[in-house]
Amino acid sequence: MLQAAPIRPFADETSFTEAIQAKNADEFFMRFGYMKNITTRTRHVNKAVKRKEAIRKFQQFNGMNITGELDEETIEKIKQPRCGVADFNESSRDRPLQFNAPGYKWSRKTITWKVTGYTNQIPNATQRSAFKSALKKWSDVTPLIFENTEGYPDIEILFARGNHGDGSYNAFDGPGRVLAHAFYPTDGDTHFDDDETWIFRSGTGTDLEVVAAHEFGHALGLGHSQNTESLMAPFYKRMDTGWKLHQDDITGIQSLYVIVYRYILEMLIML
């Protein structure tokens, strides 16, 4: 009588785990612009080589030791809560300035905003205060004026879960990882993952003011910064009471707005 062979574990359990990590890393690097999507047309590409290049690029951008390996430090960084906007896009350079301004901006000084979908976690008035305070971080260093409106806004703000109409690539992923995302001008819509635990300045959770200020940076035209101390760095960090924009953030936003308005003013004076 034939006997069934016993079920054996994988010959190398470590290799299996590494394969899963590599697959997850590939998805991460493709989503956030470190590696181009591998399609049927490009399946001949050596994914191991492309992954190594993406890892090095990721490590460099985030101020890490550049090993090109999917080491523990890199895996832990990938797991941290962050913004859903890609760190690189078609107009980004491989070695961007510390601040990254892709070239999108509003052509007017007054920009309107409106909350069309609140979270039930904190009072609506508190949410509006958080958004108002976050926008003030940018208006304090630029000529921009932000007005809350009951009409159609430039920046529409809402909380959502999962796939919320922006396409599967922009779907929220539950607690942790992607916290929020925003669109560059002249769209400006800003969305927050309602599966996160949101707070305003105190308590245990993710500070809405800090995340909102970061996302509004995108809505005004800034990309992600490779300066890890900048608000516009892609990964979330809790701020101390009374925090201010980093000089890197200020330089970035003023490159889009202050210099332009200063030039216009000088031209008007000459006339």
C-alpha atoms as a PDB file:
ATOM      1  CA  MET A   1       0.000   0.000   0.000  1.00  0.00           C
ATOM      2  CA  LEU A   2       1.317   3.393  -0.932  1.00  0.00           C
ATOM      3  CA  GLN A   3       1.749   5.823   1.902  1.00  0.00           C
ATOM      4  CA  ALA A   4       1.140   9.517   1.457  1.00  0.00           C
ATOM      5  CA  ALA A   5       4.253  11.599   1.840  1.00  0.00           C
ATOM      6  CA  PRO A   6       4.287  13.826   4.913  1.00  0.00           C
ATOM      7  CA  ILE A   7       3.660  17.510   4.392  1.00  0.00           C
ATOM      8  CA  ARG A   8       7.001  19.262   4.672  1.00  0.00           C
ATOM      9  CA  PRO A   9       7.715  22.887   5.443  1.00  0.00           C
ATOM     10  CA  PHE A  10       9.384  25.050   2.825  1.00  0.00           C
ATOM     11  CA  ALA A  11      12.995  24.056   2.343  1.00  0.00           C
ATOM     12  CA  ASP A  12      14.033  27.557   3.311  1.00  0.00           C
ATOM     13  CA  GLU A  13      11.415  29.388   5.357  1.00  0.00           C
ATOM     14  CA  THR A  14      13.624  32.482   5.448  1.00  0.00           C
ATOM     15  CA  SER A  15      13.672  32.633   1.638  1.00  0.00           C
ATOM     16  CA  PHE A  16       9.881  32.414   1.558  1.00  0.00           C
ATOM     17  CA  THR A  17       9.564  35.299   4.031  1.00  0.00           C
ATOM     18  CA  GLU A  18      12.046  37.337   2.037  1.00  0.00           C
ATOM     19  CA  ALA A  19      10.089  36.664  -1.152  1.00  0.00           C
ATOM     20  CA  ILE A  20       6.901  37.988   0.458  1.00  0.00           C
ATOM     21  CA  GLN A  21       8.748  41.057   1.740  1.00  0.00           C
ATOM     22  CA  ALA A  22      10.232  41.639  -1.706  1.00  0.00           C
ATOM     23  CA  LYS A  23       6.795  41.444  -3.348  1.00  0.00           C
ATOM     24  CA  ASN A  24       5.342  43.898  -0.827  1.00  0.00           C
ATOM     25  CA  ALA A  25       8.351  46.165  -1.288  1.00  0.00           C
ATOM     26  CA  ASP A  26       7.912  46.120  -5.082  1.00  0.00           C
ATOM     27  CA  GLU A  27       4.290  47.228  -4.683  1.00  0.00           C
ATOM     28  CA  PHE A  28       5.361  49.982  -2.291  1.00  0.00           C
ATOM     29  CA  PHE A  29       8.165  51.234  -4.551  1.00  0.00           C
ATOM     30  CA  MET A  30       5.922  51.239  -7.614  1.00  0.00           C
ATOM     31  CA  ARG A  31       3.132  53.054  -5.783  1.00  0.00           C
ATOM     32  CA  PHE A  32       5.385  55.813  -4.475  1.00  0.00           C
ATOM     33  CA  GLY A  33       7.430  56.381  -7.616  1.00  0.00           C
ATOM     34  CA  TYR A  34      10.709  54.649  -6.798  1.00  0.00           C
ATOM     35  CA  MET A  35      10.252  51.922  -9.399  1.00  0.00           C
ATOM     36  CA  LYS A  36       8.296  51.870 -12.645  1.00  0.00           C
ATOM     37  CA  ASN A  37       5.419  49.422 -12.898  1.00  0.00           C
ATOM     38  CA  ILE A  38       6.431  46.010 -14.166  1.00  0.00           C
ATOM     39  CA  THR A  39       3.982  45.104 -16.944  1.00  0.00           C
ATOM     40  CA  THR A  40       3.722  42.284 -19.471  1.00  0.00           C
ATOM     41  CA  ARG A  41       5.736  44.437 -21.855  1.00  0.00           C
ATOM     42  CA  THR A  42       8.556  44.857 -19.346  1.00  0.00           C
ATOM     43  CA  ARG A  43       8.496  41.446 -17.688  1.00  0.00           C
ATOM     44  CA  HIS A  44      11.938  40.701 -19.121  1.00  0.00           C
ATOM     45  CA  VAL A  45      13.345  43.353 -16.798  1.00  0.00           C
ATOM     46  CA  ASN A  46      15.411  41.961 -13.958  1.00  0.00           C
ATOM     47  CA  LYS A  47      13.192  42.817 -10.993  1.00  0.00           C
ATOM     48  CA  ALA A  48      15.998  42.142  -8.520  1.00  0.00           C
ATOM     49  CA  VAL A  49      18.150  44.812 -10.182  1.00  0.00           C
ATOM     50  CA  LYS A  50      15.268  47.297 -10.358  1.00  0.00           C
ATOM     51  CA  ARG A  51      14.379  46.582  -6.730  1.00  0.00           C
ATOM     52  CA  LYS A  52      17.944  47.249  -5.624  1.00  0.00           C
ATOM     53  CA  GLU A  53      17.929  50.568  -7.497  1.00  0.00           C
ATOM     54  CA  ALA A  54      14.579  51.480  -5.890  1.00  0.00           C
ATOM     55  CA  ILE A  55      15.835  50.578  -2.421  1.00  0.00           C
ATOM     56  CA  ARG A  56      18.909  52.769  -2.832  1.00  0.00           C
ATOM     57  CA  LYS A  57      16.762  55.635  -4.104  1.00  0.00           C
ATOM     58  CA  PHE A  58      14.361  55.209  -1.176  1.00  0.00           C
ATOM     59  CA  GLN A  59      17.194  55.092   1.357  1.00  0.00           C
ATOM     60  CA  GLN A  60      18.820  58.184  -0.102  1.00  0.00           C
ATOM     61  CA  PHE A  61      15.578  60.164  -0.205  1.00  0.00           C
ATOM     62  CA  ASN A  62      14.762  59.343   3.420  1.00  0.00           C
ATOM     63  CA  GLY A  63      18.206  59.992   4.897  1.00  0.00           C
ATOM     64  CA  MET A  64      19.047  56.358   5.600  1.00  0.00           C
ATOM     65  CA  ASN A  65      22.161  54.234   5.203  1.00  0.00           C
ATOM     66  CA  ILE A  66      22.384  53.437   1.497  1.00  0.00           C
ATOM     67  CA  THR A  67      22.822  49.672   1.316  1.00  0.00           C
ATOM     68  CA  GLY A  68      20.588  48.699  -1.584  1.00  0.00           C
ATOM     69  CA  GLU A  69      19.329  45.882   0.601  1.00  0.00           C
ATOM     70  CA  LEU A  70      15.890  45.267   2.020  1.00  0.00           C
ATOM     71  CA  ASP A  71      17.324  45.340   5.532  1.00  0.00           C
ATOM     72  CA  GLU A  72      15.471  45.699   8.822  1.00  0.00           C
ATOM     73  CA  GLU A  73      15.841  49.499   8.901  1.00  0.00           C
ATOM     74  CA  THR A  74      14.351  49.815   5.413  1.00  0.00           C
ATOM     75  CA  ILE A  75      11.469  47.432   6.125  1.00  0.00           C
ATOM     76  CA  GLU A  76      10.605  49.313   9.323  1.00  0.00           C
ATOM     77  CA  LYS A  77      10.661  52.623   7.449  1.00  0.00           C
ATOM     78  CA  ILE A  78       8.331  51.273   4.769  1.00  0.00           C
ATOM     79  CA  LYS A  79       5.855  50.265   7.497  1.00  0.00           C
ATOM     80  CA  GLN A  80       5.663  53.753   9.056  1.00  0.00           C
ATOM     81  CA  PRO A  81       2.550  55.954   8.602  1.00  0.00           C
ATOM     82  CA  ARG A  82       2.923  58.302   5.671  1.00  0.00           C
ATOM     83  CA  CYS A  83       1.255  60.447   3.032  1.00  0.00           C
ATOM     84  CA  GLY A  84      -0.331  58.723   0.038  1.00  0.00           C
ATOM     85  CA  VAL A  85       1.175  61.113  -2.532  1.00  0.00           C
ATOM     86  CA  ALA A  86       4.060  59.611  -4.519  1.00  0.00           C
ATOM     87  CA  ASP A  87       7.563  60.796  -3.638  1.00  0.00           C
ATOM     88  CA  PHE A  88       8.494  60.861  -7.328  1.00  0.00           C
ATOM     89  CA  ASN A  89       6.393  61.442 -10.426  1.00  0.00           C
ATOM     90  CA  GLU A  90       7.069  61.966 -14.090  1.00  0.00           C
ATOM     91  CA  SER A  91       8.235  65.551 -13.565  1.00  0.00           C
ATOM     92  CA  SER A  92      10.467  64.762 -10.571  1.00  0.00           C
ATOM     93  CA  ARG A  93      14.188  64.467 -10.947  1.00  0.00           C
ATOM     94  CA  ASP A  94      16.152  61.547  -9.534  1.00  0.00           C
ATOM     95  CA  ARG A  95      18.009  63.933  -7.270  1.00  0.00           C
ATOM     96  CA  PRO A  96      15.511  66.677  -6.381  1.00  0.00           C
ATOM     97  CA  LEU A  97      16.194  69.727  -4.295  1.00  0.00           C
ATOM     98  CA  GLN A  98      15.456  69.227  -0.633  1.00  0.00           C
ATOM     99  CA  PHE A  99      12.144  70.938  -1.264  1.00  0.00           C
ATOM    100  CA  ASN A 100      10.303  69.683  -4.328  1.00  0.00           C
ATOM    101  CA  ALA A 101       7.987  71.970  -6.280  1.00  0.00           C
ATOM    102  CA  PRO A 102       6.731  70.051  -9.337  1.00  0.00           C
ATOM    103  CA  GLY A 103       5.519  73.248 -10.972  1.00  0.00           C
ATOM    104  CA  TYR A 104       1.798  73.266 -10.151  1.00  0.00           C
ATOM    105  CA  LYS A 105       0.393  76.333  -8.405  1.00  0.00           C
ATOM    106  CA  TRP A 106      -2.665  78.531  -8.048  1.00  0.00           C
ATOM    107  CA  SER A 107      -2.810  81.619 -10.250  1.00  0.00           C
ATOM    108  CA  ARG A 108      -4.670  83.679  -7.658  1.00  0.00           C
ATOM    109  CA  LYS A 109      -3.960  84.810  -4.127  1.00  0.00           C
ATOM    110  CA  THR A 110      -7.288  83.922  -2.466  1.00  0.00           C
ATOM    111  CA  ILE A 111      -7.995  80.197  -2.207  1.00  0.00           C
ATOM    112  CA  THR A 112     -11.241  78.784  -0.816  1.00  0.00           C
ATOM    113  CA  TRP A 113     -11.761  75.614   1.226  1.00  0.00           C
ATOM    114  CA  LYS A 114     -14.678  73.587   2.508  1.00  0.00           C
ATOM    115  CA  VAL A 115     -15.205  70.405   4.529  1.00  0.00           C
ATOM    116  CA  THR A 116     -17.735  68.204   2.722  1.00  0.00           C
ATOM    117  CA  GLY A 117     -17.243  65.035   4.781  1.00  0.00           C
ATOM    118  CA  TYR A 118     -16.405  65.099   8.487  1.00  0.00           C
ATOM    119  CA  THR A 119     -15.128  62.304  10.726  1.00  0.00           C
ATOM    120  CA  ASN A 120     -17.220  61.300  13.745  1.00  0.00           C
ATOM    121  CA  GLN A 121     -14.127  61.029  15.935  1.00  0.00           C
ATOM    122  CA  ILE A 122     -13.827  64.688  16.951  1.00  0.00           C
ATOM    123  CA  PRO A 123     -16.306  67.599  16.869  1.00  0.00           C
ATOM    124  CA  ASN A 124     -16.871  69.286  13.526  1.00  0.00           C
ATOM    125  CA  ALA A 125     -15.853  72.662  14.938  1.00  0.00           C
ATOM    126  CA  THR A 126     -12.576  71.165  16.155  1.00  0.00           C
ATOM    127  CA  GLN A 127     -11.888  69.759  12.706  1.00  0.00           C
ATOM    128  CA  ARG A 128     -12.459  73.154  11.119  1.00  0.00           C
ATOM    129  CA  SER A 129     -10.095  74.694  13.684  1.00  0.00           C
ATOM    130  CA  ALA A 130      -7.439  72.127  12.803  1.00  0.00           C
ATOM    131  CA  PHE A 131      -7.784  72.877   9.082  1.00  0.00           C
ATOM    132  CA  LYS A 132      -7.790  76.632   9.632  1.00  0.00           C
ATOM    133  CA  SER A 133      -4.661  76.400  11.774  1.00  0.00           C
ATOM    134  CA  ALA A 134      -2.965  74.135   9.227  1.00  0.00           C
ATOM    135  CA  LEU A 135      -3.672  76.586   6.384  1.00  0.00           C
ATOM    136  CA  LYS A 136      -2.378  79.463   8.512  1.00  0.00           C
ATOM    137  CA  LYS A 137       1.038  77.792   8.600  1.00  0.00           C
ATOM    138  CA  TRP A 138       1.248  78.530   4.875  1.00  0.00           C
ATOM    139  CA  SER A 139      -0.463  81.931   4.796  1.00  0.00           C
ATOM    140  CA  ASP A 140       1.950  83.183   7.482  1.00  0.00           C
ATOM    141  CA  VAL A 141       4.856  82.858   5.046  1.00  0.00           C
ATOM    142  CA  THR A 142       3.163  83.726   1.733  1.00  0.00           C
ATOM    143  CA  PRO A 143       0.726  86.322   0.328  1.00  0.00           C
ATOM    144  CA  LEU A 144      -1.951  83.596   0.128  1.00  0.00           C
ATOM    145  CA  ILE A 145      -5.347  84.118   1.758  1.00  0.00           C
ATOM    146  CA  PHE A 146      -7.543  81.143   2.677  1.00  0.00           C
ATOM    147  CA  GLU A 147     -11.293  81.572   2.967  1.00  0.00           C
ATOM    148  CA  ASN A 148     -13.851  79.052   4.177  1.00  0.00           C
ATOM    149  CA  THR A 149     -16.768  78.968   1.740  1.00  0.00           C
ATOM    150  CA  GLU A 150     -20.253  77.489   1.500  1.00  0.00           C
ATOM    151  CA  GLY A 151     -19.982  77.410  -2.279  1.00  0.00           C
ATOM    152  CA  TYR A 152     -17.804  75.310  -4.570  1.00  0.00           C
ATOM    153  CA  PRO A 153     -14.282  75.344  -3.036  1.00  0.00           C
ATOM    154  CA  ASP A 154     -10.791  75.218  -4.487  1.00  0.00           C
ATOM    155  CA  ILE A 155      -9.825  72.740  -1.774  1.00  0.00           C
ATOM    156  CA  GLU A 156     -12.528  70.210  -0.913  1.00  0.00           C
ATOM    157  CA  ILE A 157     -11.799  68.313   2.314  1.00  0.00           C
ATOM    158  CA  LEU A 158     -13.318  64.997   3.332  1.00  0.00           C
ATOM    159  CA  PHE A 159     -12.773  61.817   5.342  1.00  0.00           C
ATOM    160  CA  ALA A 160     -13.256  58.468   3.616  1.00  0.00           C
ATOM    161  CA  ARG A 161     -12.458  54.772   3.859  1.00  0.00           C
ATOM    162  CA  GLY A 162     -11.013  52.290   1.359  1.00  0.00           C
ATOM    163  CA  ASN A 163     -11.673  52.956  -2.297  1.00  0.00           C
ATOM    164  CA  HIS A 164     -13.477  56.298  -2.236  1.00  0.00           C
ATOM    165  CA  GLY A 165     -13.669  57.236  -5.903  1.00  0.00           C
ATOM    166  CA  ASP A 166     -10.070  58.241  -6.605  1.00  0.00           C
ATOM    167  CA  GLY A 167      -9.204  54.903  -8.199  1.00  0.00           C
ATOM    168  CA  SER A 168      -7.849  51.733  -6.615  1.00  0.00           C
ATOM    169  CA  TYR A 169      -4.304  53.095  -6.493  1.00  0.00           C
ATOM    170  CA  ASN A 170      -5.479  55.879  -4.176  1.00  0.00           C
ATOM    171  CA  ALA A 171      -7.653  53.645  -1.993  1.00  0.00           C
ATOM    172  CA  PHE A 172      -7.037  53.987   1.729  1.00  0.00           C
ATOM    173  CA  ASP A 173      -5.630  50.955   3.502  1.00  0.00           C
ATOM    174  CA  GLY A 174      -7.054  50.972   7.031  1.00  0.00           C
ATOM    175  CA  PRO A 175      -5.198  51.954  10.217  1.00  0.00           C
ATOM    176  CA  GLY A 176      -1.548  52.858   9.698  1.00  0.00           C
ATOM    177  CA  ARG A 177       0.455  53.219   6.486  1.00  0.00           C
ATOM    178  CA  VAL A 178      -1.303  55.809   4.271  1.00  0.00           C
ATOM    179  CA  LEU A 179      -2.949  58.537   6.366  1.00  0.00           C
ATOM    180  CA  ALA A 180      -4.169  60.969   3.726  1.00  0.00           C
ATOM    181  CA  HIS A 181      -3.527  62.338   0.248  1.00  0.00           C
ATOM    182  CA  ALA A 182      -4.103  65.512  -1.721  1.00  0.00           C
ATOM    183  CA  PHE A 183      -4.102  66.612  -5.341  1.00  0.00           C
ATOM    184  CA  TYR A 184      -1.887  69.293  -6.853  1.00  0.00           C
ATOM    185  CA  PRO A 185      -3.366  72.571  -8.165  1.00  0.00           C
ATOM    186  CA  THR A 186      -5.663  73.295  -9.688  1.00  0.00           C
ATOM    187  CA  ASP A 187      -7.562  70.457  -8.084  1.00  0.00           C
ATOM    188  CA  GLY A 188      -6.500  70.721  -4.444  1.00  0.00           C
ATOM    189  CA  ASP A 189      -8.933  68.129  -3.040  1.00  0.00           C
ATOM    190  CA  THR A 190      -7.645  66.678   0.223  1.00  0.00           C
ATOM    191  CA  HIS A 191      -8.761  63.346   1.690  1.00  0.00           C
ATOM    192  CA  PHE A 192      -8.117  61.703   5.072  1.00  0.00           C
ATOM    193  CA  ASP A 193      -8.420  58.022   5.991  1.00  0.00           C
ATOM    194  CA  ASP A 194     -11.288  57.730   8.475  1.00  0.00           C
ATOM    195  CA  ASP A 195      -9.889  54.404   9.700  1.00  0.00           C
ATOM    196  CA  GLU A 196      -7.081  56.289  11.443  1.00  0.00           C
ATOM    197  CA  THR A 197      -7.462  57.533  15.010  1.00  0.00           C
ATOM    198  CA  TRP A 198      -7.583  61.319  14.661  1.00  0.00           C
ATOM    199  CA  ILE A 199      -6.815  63.855  17.386  1.00  0.00           C
ATOM    200  CA  PHE A 200      -6.181  67.589  17.538  1.00  0.00           C
ATOM    201  CA  ARG A 201      -2.924  68.481  19.326  1.00  0.00           C
ATOM    202  CA  SER A 202      -3.393  66.210  22.358  1.00  0.00           C
ATOM    203  CA  GLY A 203      -4.253  62.594  23.064  1.00  0.00           C
ATOM    204  CA  THR A 204      -3.271  59.280  21.530  1.00  0.00           C
ATOM    205  CA  GLY A 205      -3.565  59.107  17.779  1.00  0.00           C
ATOM    206  CA  THR A 206      -2.576  61.019  14.644  1.00  0.00           C
ATOM    207  CA  ASP A 207      -2.612  64.806  14.844  1.00  0.00           C
ATOM    208  CA  LEU A 208      -5.032  66.139  12.230  1.00  0.00           C
ATOM    209  CA  GLU A 209      -3.418  69.574  12.172  1.00  0.00           C
ATOM    210  CA  VAL A 210       0.006  68.188  11.256  1.00  0.00           C
ATOM    211  CA  VAL A 211      -1.271  65.831   8.559  1.00  0.00           C
ATOM    212  CA  ALA A 212      -3.575  68.522   7.153  1.00  0.00           C
ATOM    213  CA  ALA A 213      -0.733  71.056   6.945  1.00  0.00           C
ATOM    214  CA  HIS A 214       1.349  68.508   5.040  1.00  0.00           C
ATOM    215  CA  GLU A 215      -1.472  67.678   2.635  1.00  0.00           C
ATOM    216  CA  PHE A 216      -2.282  71.345   2.085  1.00  0.00           C
ATOM    217  CA  GLY A 217       1.362  71.745   1.057  1.00  0.00           C
ATOM    218  CA  HIS A 218       0.569  69.367  -1.817  1.00  0.00           C
ATOM    219  CA  ALA A 219      -2.703  71.189  -2.548  1.00  0.00           C
ATOM    220  CA  LEU A 220      -0.632  74.364  -2.946  1.00  0.00           C
ATOM    221  CA  GLY A 221       1.896  72.755  -5.266  1.00  0.00           C
ATOM    222  CA  LEU A 222       4.668  71.234  -3.161  1.00  0.00           C
ATOM    223  CA  GLY A 223       5.937  67.698  -3.580  1.00  0.00           C
ATOM    224  CA  HIS A 224       7.721  65.651  -0.939  1.00  0.00           C
ATOM    225  CA  SER A 225      10.987  66.845   0.528  1.00  0.00           C
ATOM    226  CA  GLN A 226      14.037  64.679   1.130  1.00  0.00           C
ATOM    227  CA  ASN A 227      14.840  66.789   4.195  1.00  0.00           C
ATOM    228  CA  THR A 228      13.642  64.491   6.985  1.00  0.00           C
ATOM    229  CA  GLU A 229      13.039  67.470   9.309  1.00  0.00           C
ATOM    230  CA  SER A 230      10.695  69.143   6.834  1.00  0.00           C
ATOM    231  CA  LEU A 231       6.916  69.012   7.232  1.00  0.00           C
ATOM    232  CA  MET A 232       6.836  67.945   3.585  1.00  0.00           C
ATOM    233  CA  ALA A 233       8.908  64.816   4.210  1.00  0.00           C
ATOM    234  CA  PRO A 234       6.646  61.876   3.280  1.00  0.00           C
ATOM    235  CA  PHE A 235       6.500  60.123   6.656  1.00  0.00           C
ATOM    236  CA  TYR A 236       4.369  61.379   9.553  1.00  0.00           C
ATOM    237  CA  LYS A 237       5.942  62.717  12.734  1.00  0.00           C
ATOM    238  CA  ARG A 238       4.276  64.191  15.813  1.00  0.00           C
ATOM    239  CA  MET A 239       5.051  67.879  16.377  1.00  0.00           C
ATOM    240  CA  ASP A 240       5.579  69.787  19.612  1.00  0.00           C
ATOM    241  CA  THR A 241       3.091  72.434  20.734  1.00  0.00           C
ATOM    242  CA  GLY A 242       3.506  75.673  18.793  1.00  0.00           C
ATOM    243  CA  TRP A 243       5.404  74.006  15.938  1.00  0.00           C
ATOM    244  CA  LYS A 244       6.332  76.001  12.859  1.00  0.00           C
ATOM    245  CA  LEU A 245       7.247  75.205   9.286  1.00  0.00           C
ATOM    246  CA  HIS A 246      10.819  74.144   8.668  1.00  0.00           C
ATOM    247  CA  GLN A 247      12.919  76.549   6.600  1.00  0.00           C
ATOM    248  CA  ASP A 248      12.906  73.933   3.859  1.00  0.00           C
ATOM    249  CA  ASP A 249       9.086  74.162   3.689  1.00  0.00           C
ATOM    250  CA  ILE A 250       9.218  77.950   3.669  1.00  0.00           C
ATOM    251  CA  THR A 251      11.810  78.046   0.883  1.00  0.00           C
ATOM    252  CA  GLY A 252       9.709  75.642  -1.166  1.00  0.00           C
ATOM    253  CA  ILE A 253       6.383  77.461  -0.854  1.00  0.00           C
ATOM    254  CA  GLN A 254       7.950  80.882  -1.366  1.00  0.00           C
ATOM    255  CA  SER A 255       9.588  79.654  -4.566  1.00  0.00           C
ATOM    256  CA  LEU A 256       6.053  79.142  -5.902  1.00  0.00           C
ATOM    257  CA  TYR A 257       4.313  82.253  -4.612  1.00  0.00           C
ATOM    258  CA  VAL A 258       6.393  84.962  -2.912  1.00  0.00           C
ATOM    259  CA  ILE A 259       8.949  85.342  -5.690  1.00  0.00           C
ATOM    260  CA  VAL A 260       6.202  85.527  -8.333  1.00  0.00           C
ATOM    261  CA  TYR A 261       4.183  88.159  -6.468  1.00  0.00           C
ATOM    262  CA  ARG A 262       7.326  90.147  -5.688  1.00  0.00           C
ATOM    263  CA  TYR A 263       8.162  90.223  -9.405  1.00  0.00           C
ATOM    264  CA  ILE A 264       4.621  91.352 -10.300  1.00  0.00           C
ATOM    265  CA  LEU A 265       4.793  94.102  -7.674  1.00  0.00           C
ATOM    266  CA  GLU A 266       8.136  95.328  -8.979  1.00  0.00           C
ATOM    267  CA  MET A 267       6.758  95.426 -12.531  1.00  0.00           C
ATOM    268  CA  LEU A 268       3.723  97.448 -11.368  1.00  0.00           C
ATOM    269  CA  ILE A 269       5.997  99.931  -9.581  1.00  0.00           C
ATOM    270  CA  MET A 270       8.064 100.375 -12.738  1.00  0.00           C
ATOM    271  CA  LEU A 271       4.892 101.231 -14.664  1.00  0.00           C
END
